[in-house]
Every structure is written in structure tokens, then in C-alpha cells.
Protein backbone atom coordinates (compact mmCIF):
# COMPACT_ATOMS: atom_id res chain seq x y z
CA UNK A 1 78.61 97.55 75.09
CA UNK A 2 81.81 97.02 76.67
CA UNK A 3 82.25 95.56 80.42
CA UNK A 4 84.83 96.36 83.80
CA UNK A 5 85.28 95.76 86.72
CA UNK A 6 85.55 97.77 89.80
CA UNK A 7 86.54 97.84 93.14
CA UNK A 8 86.78 99.69 96.62
CA UNK A 9 89.02 97.05 98.15
CA UNK A 10 86.15 96.50 100.87
CA UNK A 11 87.29 94.79 104.47
CA UNK A 12 84.60 94.42 106.88
CA UNK A 13 85.58 94.16 110.18
CA UNK A 14 87.16 92.65 112.42
CA UNK A 15 90.26 92.91 110.16
CA UNK A 16 94.11 92.23 109.92
CA UNK A 17 97.27 93.22 108.24
CA UNK A 18 96.71 89.89 106.80
CA UNK A 19 93.64 90.68 105.61
CA UNK A 20 94.20 93.39 103.49
CA UNK A 21 96.48 92.27 101.82
CA UNK A 22 94.59 89.50 100.81
CA UNK A 23 92.21 91.41 100.16
CA UNK A 24 94.59 93.39 97.23
CA UNK A 25 96.82 89.81 96.22
CA UNK A 26 92.87 88.47 95.34
CA UNK A 27 92.27 91.52 93.35
CA UNK A 28 95.00 91.10 91.36
CA UNK A 29 94.24 87.74 90.76
CA UNK A 30 90.88 88.98 89.61
CA UNK A 31 92.40 91.44 87.18
CA UNK A 32 94.57 88.44 85.86
CA UNK A 33 91.95 86.15 84.97
CA UNK A 34 89.74 89.51 83.42
CA UNK A 35 92.35 90.58 81.28
CA UNK A 36 92.77 86.56 79.89
CA UNK A 37 88.87 86.01 79.08
CA UNK A 38 89.43 89.95 77.35
CA UNK A 39 87.03 91.27 79.69
CA UNK A 40 87.77 95.44 78.80
CA UNK A 41 88.40 97.39 81.68
CA UNK A 42 89.38 97.47 85.55
CA UNK A 43 88.40 100.71 87.57
CA UNK A 44 89.99 101.66 90.80
CA UNK A 45 88.69 104.20 93.30
CA UNK A 46 91.16 106.72 95.20
CA UNK A 47 89.24 107.64 98.84
CA UNK A 48 91.07 107.70 102.10
CA UNK A 49 89.56 107.18 106.20
CA UNK A 50 86.67 104.94 104.69
CA UNK A 51 87.09 102.22 107.08
CA UNK A 52 85.77 98.78 105.57
CA UNK A 53 84.16 100.47 102.53
CA UNK A 54 87.18 101.64 100.90
CA UNK A 55 90.80 100.28 101.56
CA UNK A 56 91.92 102.21 98.41
CA UNK A 57 94.17 105.82 98.82
CA UNK A 58 96.23 104.42 96.21
CA UNK A 59 95.53 103.28 93.40
CA UNK A 60 98.02 104.09 91.11
CA UNK A 61 99.76 101.72 92.72
CA UNK A 62 97.52 99.26 92.99
CA UNK A 63 96.87 99.86 88.81
CA UNK A 64 101.00 99.90 88.21
CA UNK A 65 100.93 96.23 89.79
CA UNK A 66 97.86 95.42 87.37
CA UNK A 67 99.68 96.57 84.52
CA UNK A 68 102.10 94.06 84.84
CA UNK A 69 100.17 90.53 85.23
CA UNK A 70 97.99 91.98 82.12
CA UNK A 71 97.97 93.06 78.40
CA UNK A 72 95.46 94.45 77.03
CA UNK A 73 92.80 95.23 79.97
CA UNK A 74 92.06 99.20 79.79
CA UNK A 75 93.15 100.95 83.52
CA UNK A 76 90.35 102.75 84.81
CA UNK A 77 91.23 105.84 87.84
CA UNK A 78 87.52 105.29 89.29
CA UNK A 79 88.31 108.27 90.46
CA UNK A 80 91.64 110.40 91.03
CA UNK A 81 91.13 112.93 93.28
CA UNK A 82 91.99 116.38 91.72
CA UNK A 83 91.30 118.93 94.27
CA UNK A 84 94.77 120.45 95.29
CA UNK A 85 94.45 119.46 98.79
CA UNK A 86 93.60 115.99 97.94
CA UNK A 87 96.68 115.36 95.13
CA UNK A 88 98.50 118.52 93.27
CA UNK A 89 97.63 118.32 90.12
CA UNK A 90 101.39 118.49 88.88
CA UNK A 91 101.62 115.00 91.07
CA UNK A 92 98.38 113.64 89.27
CA UNK A 93 100.10 114.33 85.73
CA UNK A 94 102.89 113.03 86.66
CA UNK A 95 101.64 109.63 87.89
CA UNK A 96 99.35 109.34 85.11
CA UNK A 97 102.08 109.82 82.62
CA UNK A 98 104.28 107.01 83.97
CA UNK A 99 101.44 104.83 84.17
CA UNK A 100 100.17 104.94 80.63
CA UNK A 101 103.80 104.62 79.78
CA UNK A 102 104.73 101.03 82.06
CA UNK A 103 100.71 99.80 80.50
CA UNK A 104 101.69 100.97 77.33
CA UNK A 105 98.72 103.69 76.52
CA UNK A 106 95.96 101.26 78.41
CA UNK A 107 95.47 104.37 81.19
CA UNK A 108 91.89 105.50 81.09
CA UNK A 109 91.81 108.98 83.37
CA UNK A 110 88.96 109.09 85.47
CA UNK A 111 88.86 112.73 87.76
CA UNK A 112 86.52 113.78 90.73
CA UNK A 113 85.66 115.31 93.52
CA UNK A 114 84.79 112.89 96.44
CA UNK A 115 81.60 113.59 98.63
CA UNK A 116 82.35 111.98 101.99
CA UNK A 117 83.14 114.32 105.19
CA UNK A 118 84.94 111.96 106.38
CA UNK A 119 87.79 112.61 103.78
CA UNK A 120 86.94 116.70 103.00
CA UNK A 121 87.52 116.82 106.66
CA UNK A 122 90.83 115.06 106.81
CA UNK A 123 92.15 117.17 104.34
CA UNK A 124 90.78 120.81 104.99
CA UNK A 125 88.33 120.83 101.99
CA UNK A 126 85.38 123.16 101.80
CA UNK A 127 82.00 121.04 100.39
CA UNK A 128 81.00 124.10 98.58
CA UNK A 129 84.28 124.19 97.22
CA UNK A 130 84.98 120.90 95.32
CA UNK A 131 83.66 121.59 92.29
CA UNK A 132 85.78 124.71 90.71
CA UNK A 133 88.69 122.70 92.84
CA UNK A 134 87.76 119.88 90.49
CA UNK A 135 87.52 121.80 87.41
CA UNK A 136 90.77 124.06 88.41
CA UNK A 137 93.03 121.21 88.64
CA UNK A 138 91.52 119.12 86.18
CA UNK A 139 91.70 121.35 83.50
CA UNK A 140 95.59 122.15 84.20
CA UNK A 141 96.62 118.62 85.30
CA UNK A 142 95.34 118.37 81.34
CA UNK A 143 97.95 120.67 79.78
CA UNK A 144 100.65 119.67 81.88
CA UNK A 145 100.38 116.08 80.36
CA UNK A 146 99.92 118.52 76.79
CA UNK A 147 102.19 121.31 76.72
CA UNK A 148 106.04 121.47 75.95
CA UNK A 149 106.48 123.60 78.37
CA UNK A 150 103.48 123.68 80.58
CA UNK A 151 103.37 127.69 80.81
CA UNK A 152 102.65 128.50 84.78
CA UNK A 153 99.42 129.28 86.39
CA UNK A 154 98.12 131.41 88.88
CA UNK A 155 94.47 130.06 89.96
CA UNK A 156 92.13 130.43 92.66
CA UNK A 157 92.91 126.89 94.62
CA UNK A 158 96.53 126.78 93.68
CA UNK A 159 99.88 128.17 91.60
CA UNK A 160 102.60 126.89 89.74
CA UNK A 161 105.29 128.41 87.51
CA UNK A 162 106.61 127.19 84.22
CA UNK A 163 107.75 123.94 84.06
CA UNK A 164 107.91 120.90 81.90
CA UNK A 165 105.83 118.28 83.54
CA UNK A 166 107.94 114.57 82.71
CA UNK A 167 107.08 112.18 81.34
CA UNK A 168 104.41 112.79 78.97
CA UNK A 169 101.98 109.65 78.11
CA UNK A 170 101.98 106.98 75.82
CA UNK A 171 98.63 108.70 74.66
CA UNK A 172 98.87 111.56 73.44
CA UNK A 173 97.85 114.73 73.97
CA UNK A 174 96.43 112.56 77.26
CA UNK A 175 94.44 109.66 78.21
CA UNK A 176 90.67 109.71 77.78
CA UNK A 177 89.50 111.66 80.67
CA UNK A 178 85.89 111.05 82.46
CA UNK A 179 84.09 112.33 85.49
CA UNK A 180 82.48 111.11 88.40
CA UNK A 181 78.51 111.18 87.86
CA UNK A 182 75.66 110.47 90.99
CA UNK A 183 72.70 112.76 89.38
CA UNK A 184 71.18 113.71 85.74
CA UNK A 185 73.03 116.84 86.45
CA UNK A 186 76.69 115.65 86.94
CA UNK A 187 75.75 113.22 83.70
CA UNK A 188 75.01 116.87 81.97
CA UNK A 189 78.35 118.00 83.04
CA UNK A 190 80.63 115.57 81.82
CA UNK A 191 79.32 116.06 78.39
CA UNK A 192 79.48 120.12 78.54
CA UNK A 193 83.22 119.46 79.33
CA UNK A 194 84.08 116.56 76.71
CA UNK A 195 84.12 114.12 79.59
CA UNK A 196 83.41 110.40 79.87
CA UNK A 197 80.28 109.77 82.02
CA UNK A 198 81.58 107.27 85.26
CA UNK A 199 77.95 107.14 86.24
CA UNK A 200 78.50 105.62 89.93
CA UNK A 201 74.92 105.18 90.70
CA UNK A 202 72.72 102.15 90.83
CA UNK A 203 70.19 103.44 87.82
CA UNK A 204 67.74 101.20 86.10
CA UNK A 205 68.38 100.90 81.93
CA UNK A 206 65.08 102.60 81.38
CA UNK A 207 66.42 106.07 83.63
CA UNK A 208 69.95 105.36 82.19
CA UNK A 209 68.27 105.85 78.42
CA UNK A 210 67.46 108.76 79.61
CA UNK A 211 70.53 109.91 81.04
CA UNK A 212 72.19 108.75 77.64
CA UNK A 213 70.00 111.19 74.80
CA UNK A 214 70.36 113.70 76.92
CA UNK A 215 74.38 113.09 77.35
CA UNK A 216 74.56 113.14 73.42
CA UNK A 217 71.88 115.79 72.73
CA UNK A 218 75.28 118.16 74.45
CA UNK A 219 77.82 115.95 72.92
CA UNK A 220 76.62 116.87 69.56
CA UNK A 221 75.34 120.26 70.95
CA UNK A 222 77.71 123.93 71.47
CA UNK A 223 77.07 123.23 75.08
CA UNK A 224 79.95 120.86 74.57
CA UNK A 225 83.45 122.93 75.56
CA UNK A 226 86.49 120.17 76.38
CA UNK A 227 88.33 120.85 79.40
CA UNK A 228 90.72 118.60 78.58
CA UNK A 229 92.58 118.52 74.73
CA UNK A 230 90.22 115.13 73.40
CA UNK A 231 86.71 114.55 73.83
CA UNK A 232 85.59 110.86 75.20
CA UNK A 233 82.07 110.25 74.28
CA UNK A 234 81.12 107.36 76.49
CA UNK A 235 79.02 106.79 79.26
CA UNK A 236 79.71 103.69 81.79
CA UNK A 237 77.22 102.72 84.45
CA UNK A 238 77.68 100.38 87.79
CA UNK A 239 75.75 97.19 88.16
CA UNK A 240 75.76 94.70 90.79
CA UNK A 241 77.43 91.05 89.76
CA UNK A 242 77.24 87.67 90.48
CA UNK A 243 76.62 85.01 87.97
CA UNK A 244 76.21 81.07 87.84
CA UNK A 245 73.65 78.55 86.48
CA UNK A 246 71.32 79.00 89.27
CA UNK A 247 69.77 81.74 90.63
CA UNK A 248 70.03 81.10 93.79
CA UNK A 249 73.19 80.01 93.92
CA UNK A 250 73.94 83.70 92.59
CA UNK A 251 72.42 85.05 94.81
CA UNK A 252 73.33 82.99 97.67
CA UNK A 253 77.23 83.58 96.71
CA UNK A 254 76.20 87.72 95.44
CA UNK A 255 73.54 89.82 97.23
CA UNK A 256 74.65 90.08 100.80
CA UNK A 257 77.89 91.45 99.44
CA UNK A 258 76.52 93.98 97.17
CA UNK A 259 74.11 94.90 99.72
CA UNK A 260 76.32 95.57 101.97
CA UNK A 261 78.47 97.81 99.35
CA UNK A 262 74.93 100.01 99.24
CA UNK A 263 74.58 100.02 102.88
CA UNK A 264 78.16 101.33 103.14
CA UNK A 265 78.14 103.56 100.81
CA UNK A 266 75.56 105.18 102.25
CA UNK A 267 76.99 104.99 105.66
CA UNK A 268 79.84 107.03 105.00
CA UNK A 269 78.04 109.37 101.90
CA UNK A 270 74.52 109.90 103.49
CA UNK A 271 73.27 108.90 106.50
CA UNK A 272 75.92 107.22 108.81
CA UNK A 273 77.56 108.89 112.26
CA UNK A 274 81.28 107.59 112.04
CA UNK A 275 84.03 107.37 114.84
CA UNK A 276 87.49 106.57 113.59
CA UNK A 277 88.55 103.19 114.17
CA UNK A 278 85.65 102.98 116.86
CA UNK A 279 82.51 102.13 114.66
CA UNK A 280 81.63 98.95 113.12
CA UNK A 281 79.87 99.41 110.50
CA UNK A 282 79.73 95.66 109.44
CA UNK A 283 78.04 94.86 112.35
CA UNK A 284 75.46 97.34 112.13
CA UNK A 285 74.51 96.72 108.47
CA UNK A 286 73.87 92.72 109.79
CA UNK A 287 71.57 93.97 112.10
CA UNK A 288 69.70 96.32 109.42
CA UNK A 289 70.39 94.21 106.25
CA UNK A 290 67.06 92.48 106.27
CA UNK A 291 65.26 96.25 106.07
CA UNK A 292 68.04 97.08 102.94
CA UNK A 293 66.18 97.69 99.47
CA UNK A 294 68.23 96.40 96.90
CA UNK A 295 66.25 96.33 93.41
CA UNK A 296 68.87 99.50 92.30
CA UNK A 297 71.59 97.35 90.69
CA UNK A 298 71.19 93.97 91.33
CA UNK A 299 69.74 92.98 88.14
CA UNK A 300 73.18 91.24 87.62
CA UNK A 301 72.92 88.80 89.87
CA UNK A 302 71.50 85.56 88.42
CA UNK A 303 71.57 82.80 85.90
CA UNK A 304 72.53 83.80 82.62
CA UNK A 305 69.76 84.47 81.17
CA UNK A 306 68.68 86.62 83.79
CA UNK A 307 71.79 88.41 83.58
CA UNK A 308 71.52 88.39 79.96
CA UNK A 309 67.99 90.42 79.73
CA UNK A 310 69.40 92.60 82.41
CA UNK A 311 72.57 93.57 80.51
CA UNK A 312 70.81 94.26 76.89
CA UNK A 313 68.51 96.43 78.29
CA UNK A 314 71.39 98.68 79.21
CA UNK A 315 72.86 97.74 75.66
CA UNK A 316 69.50 98.67 73.88
CA UNK A 317 69.86 102.24 76.42
CA UNK A 318 72.52 102.82 74.51
CA UNK A 319 75.16 102.82 77.56
CA UNK A 320 78.39 102.71 76.41
CA UNK A 321 79.96 100.10 79.57
CA UNK A 322 78.62 98.14 82.20
CA UNK A 323 81.30 98.15 85.19
CA UNK A 324 80.44 95.48 87.33
CA UNK A 325 80.26 95.65 91.27
CA UNK A 326 82.18 92.00 92.68
CA UNK A 327 84.33 92.84 95.49
CA UNK A 328 82.06 93.79 97.83
CA UNK A 329 81.34 92.75 101.35
CA UNK A 330 82.96 89.06 102.00
CA UNK A 331 82.01 87.65 98.79
CA UNK A 332 84.89 84.53 98.07
CA UNK A 333 87.62 85.24 95.57
CA UNK A 334 86.80 81.30 94.08
CA UNK A 335 83.09 82.59 93.44
CA UNK A 336 83.93 86.08 91.73
CA UNK A 337 86.18 84.74 89.20
CA UNK A 338 83.94 81.62 88.87
CA UNK A 339 81.56 84.51 87.75
CA UNK A 340 83.44 86.00 85.36
CA UNK A 341 84.64 83.09 83.50
CA UNK A 342 81.44 82.38 83.15
CA UNK A 343 80.36 85.43 82.13
CA UNK A 344 83.30 85.07 79.39
CA UNK A 345 82.15 81.89 78.01
CA UNK A 346 78.05 82.47 77.73
CA UNK A 347 77.56 86.15 78.10
CA UNK A 348 80.06 88.27 76.99
CA UNK A 349 81.52 87.22 72.87
CA UNK A 350 77.72 88.34 71.72
CA UNK A 351 78.61 91.76 73.16
CA UNK A 352 81.68 92.15 72.15
CA UNK A 353 80.80 91.37 68.40
CA UNK A 354 77.96 93.96 68.55
CA UNK A 355 80.03 96.28 70.58
CA UNK A 356 82.90 96.41 67.42
CA UNK A 357 80.34 97.32 64.77
CA UNK A 358 78.67 99.92 67.01
CA UNK A 359 81.76 101.44 68.00
CA UNK A 360 83.10 102.34 64.39
CA UNK A 361 79.53 103.92 63.30
CA UNK A 362 79.29 105.56 67.23
CA UNK A 363 83.43 106.92 65.81
CA UNK A 364 81.85 107.78 62.04
CA UNK A 365 79.02 109.96 63.39
CA UNK A 366 80.44 111.72 66.63
CA UNK A 367 83.65 112.59 64.38
CA UNK A 368 82.49 115.81 62.84
CA UNK A 369 80.80 117.21 66.80
CA UNK A 370 83.92 116.78 68.45
CA UNK A 371 86.16 118.24 65.34
CA UNK A 372 83.72 121.11 66.16
CA UNK A 373 84.00 121.04 70.07
CA UNK A 374 87.47 120.99 69.96
CA UNK A 375 87.80 123.93 68.08
CA UNK A 376 85.67 125.81 70.62
CA UNK A 377 88.10 124.72 73.49
CA UNK A 378 89.83 127.74 74.94
CA UNK A 379 93.43 127.30 75.32
CA UNK A 380 96.10 128.13 77.81
CA UNK A 381 98.79 130.62 75.28
CA UNK A 382 102.00 128.59 75.23
CA UNK A 383 104.96 130.13 77.01
CA UNK A 384 107.34 131.99 74.64
CA UNK A 385 111.00 131.15 74.73
CA UNK A 386 111.33 134.63 76.22
CA UNK A 387 108.64 133.67 78.91
CA UNK A 388 110.13 130.46 80.08
CA UNK A 389 112.48 131.40 83.15
CA UNK A 390 115.84 130.53 83.51
CA UNK A 391 115.99 128.71 86.72
CA UNK A 392 119.28 129.34 88.03
CA UNK A 393 120.20 126.24 90.65
CA UNK A 394 120.87 127.11 94.25
CA UNK A 395 124.47 126.61 94.05
CA UNK A 396 124.61 129.34 92.03
CA UNK A 397 123.80 131.72 94.63
CA UNK A 398 126.83 130.51 96.88
CA UNK A 399 129.55 132.97 96.59
CA UNK A 400 133.00 130.85 96.95
CA UNK A 401 132.94 131.90 100.59
CA UNK A 402 130.24 130.36 101.51
CA UNK A 403 130.68 127.29 99.80
CA UNK A 404 134.05 127.08 101.51
CA UNK A 405 132.92 127.94 105.39
CA UNK A 406 130.05 124.80 104.46
CA UNK A 407 132.70 122.54 103.62
CA UNK A 408 134.97 123.33 106.79
CA UNK A 409 131.80 123.13 108.67
CA UNK A 410 131.39 119.15 107.45
CA UNK A 411 128.38 120.14 105.17
CA UNK A 412 127.32 119.38 101.45
CA UNK A 413 130.54 119.33 98.68
CA UNK A 414 131.26 122.89 97.43
CA UNK A 415 129.96 124.37 94.28
CA UNK A 416 132.73 125.65 92.06
CA UNK A 417 131.71 127.92 89.61
CA UNK A 418 134.19 128.12 87.25
CA UNK A 419 133.27 128.40 83.52
CA UNK A 420 134.17 124.55 81.88
CA UNK A 421 135.63 126.45 79.01
CA UNK A 422 137.93 128.41 81.59
CA UNK A 423 138.73 125.14 82.71
CA UNK A 424 139.65 123.48 79.90
CA UNK A 425 142.41 126.59 79.17
CA UNK A 426 143.91 126.15 82.34
CA UNK A 427 144.62 122.46 80.83
């Protein structure tokens, strides 16, 4: 089983520009430390307008900064919002490719829809349409990365003519694809599309075992028809995390932050009423925290023996990766770093040794099923040379008189339309 770190960039009120910068800089230090310690993944969200809960609208910028301070850690979009009103599919493809190139092929491409009224309303997205928007855009962005040129597309939610989307990613045909999941049904959807399942829900290991079995049963069945050009068979779950030799101290350092994470998630996605720029979520949390249940997901908060037991239960359930929720509420940077260092010393080596063996066995077992799934994939027909359009520059559409008139008005440099071969003869 592998391990990752999860970032929302939470900034409880009251905040200042300096505090927002501090959260980002501390997160970069934490990722650099995690890379040195051998932790395998970092995941960064994309959210918009979610005050206090997530000040992270541009994960590609943060992950690019991470790429230059690290050498091995995988850089995960957790997730890139795919409905075209958030991000045009070509822009997602371009950003994923550039990040993959500058990181030397370390991108994990998580995709998703979002689930909050603040975000969908802000971008004019109909909640009833977000799933098909995600599917259309994610599939076409994968085609853009894999095809040379992209032949063009006219769909329900966006259209685009034939263009060659460049650069191409370092990992071919594209980085491993994932999709955000919060329910059993979305785990099944991930498997049907051949995508890794980012289970951003706090589930106990015994329930996770059921999800894992059902996921891999679908991966091995004819139901699996890949959305992208690869199959990424993996299931990841999130867990609270605060590690200390003294379990009471581990709770003191991490439990309130984890409770705020759960409360703020509920506020923006389930039960909250939010007045932009005015609602004080942190104060509301302080008034309600003693009534907030915190059992689900808090098993990663404790001493090494307690946390080892918690993680081994996920390992036995067949989970491929546990992602630690640590930067939340007002949890302190120094405490986060100490937890990571203790984890790397006391717990990670044994899990890593078992994971290397299991990964080899898993790849061998799934290889024929993945090959069969890719053979079932319906593919966008490549453009023939005859179908690739000849796109004239705007300058070629301006006749000489118009260009001369534009120059006399102080406009752009006139366009010379003389054939270069004729110019050479004149010389």
C-alpha cells in the first residue's frame, strides 16, 4: 500500500494575505520533506469560492512549484474540474502535459465534477448536467493528449476543430487517470471507465473492502471500457492523520483540525448556508465542535501502534493508497512535519516492502484483463491528411490595400503577401 498527502489549503478565519501565503509556503516545505522521506504521492484539489475550506483554485501552479522542490514524489490533481465551464478540455490537456514534462513524468491526473452550489452556481453549471459534462470533457482531453493531431469534436457541451494540442506529456499516451468518488456507485463508475478511484469519503476498512472487491470485479469484466487510453486500476481512500508517540498528544495536535475538515466539508457540500465574504465558518465550528461525531476517518490519529493497526486494516482490505488529511483547520506546520518524520521512521518501511511485492503480483494478474479492456475501447477516428484543415493566418486575409491603409493609421506592420520564391528571384 502506498501513501499520499492531501491538500485543500484550508485557511480558517480570520485570515490575511500573509496567512494565505504562509499556508502555501508551509505546504511546499511539507511536500519537500515528504519527498525526502519517501512518501509516494501528493494530491492537490481544485476548488473555487470555498472560503476557509479550500483556498486552492489553481492546483497546477502549486504542483508545478512542488515539481521543482522534489525528485520522486508523484504529483496528483485531486482533482482537475472537467466540466468545460470550469476549464476548457484543451486547457486541461495543455496544463497536464506541461506539468508532466517539467516534473519528468510524475503526474497523476485526477478528474472530477465538483459538488457544491457555490462553485456550480458561480460558473453557471447545471448540477443535473455535471456528470455527462465530466465524461465528455475528460474523454476528449485524453484524446487531445494522445492524438497527433486531435481530429476535432462536436459534442453536447463543447466543440473544437482539428488542432494539434502541444506539448505532449512525458508519460505516453497520457498520465494515469483517476476520478473523484464519494459513494459506492461512483466507485463502480470509476471501474467501468478504467480509472483509478479517488474515494474522497471517510470509510472504515471493512466497508472499503467491499468497495475494493466490487471495483476489481468490474475491472476484470466486460463492463470495463476505458475512458482514456490506459487503464489505471487503483483505489485510494483518505484518512485523518496525526502521529505521536503519545496518543493523547497526537489527538491534541490533530483532532480539532480533522474535525474542522469534516465540518467545513459538510458546510460547503451538504448542510451549510453561506454568505460570501461574511459567513464565519471557523466560529460556527467552535460553537458546534463538541457535538460533531469524528469516528470515521480519525483512525490515523494516535500513536504508532494505533495508526499501524488502522493502516493494516486498509491494507488487508486491498486498498492501494491511503491519503493523509493533515493540513486542516489550524493544525501547526511543525506538528505536521514531526508526524511525517515519525511515520517514515516507524511505519512506512514495512508497508513499502510489502507494496513492492504486491505491485508486481497485481500487474501480472491484471495484465490480460487490461489488454482486453483496451481492445473494447471505442476510439476517435484519426484525421486523414485530407481532413486536416489548412488554417490561414489572419494576415493572408488582408489584401495589400487594406494593409497599407492600416499602416497609415498607425496600425500593425503590413503583411507582405509576395511568394518568398518570387522575392528570391528579384534579388
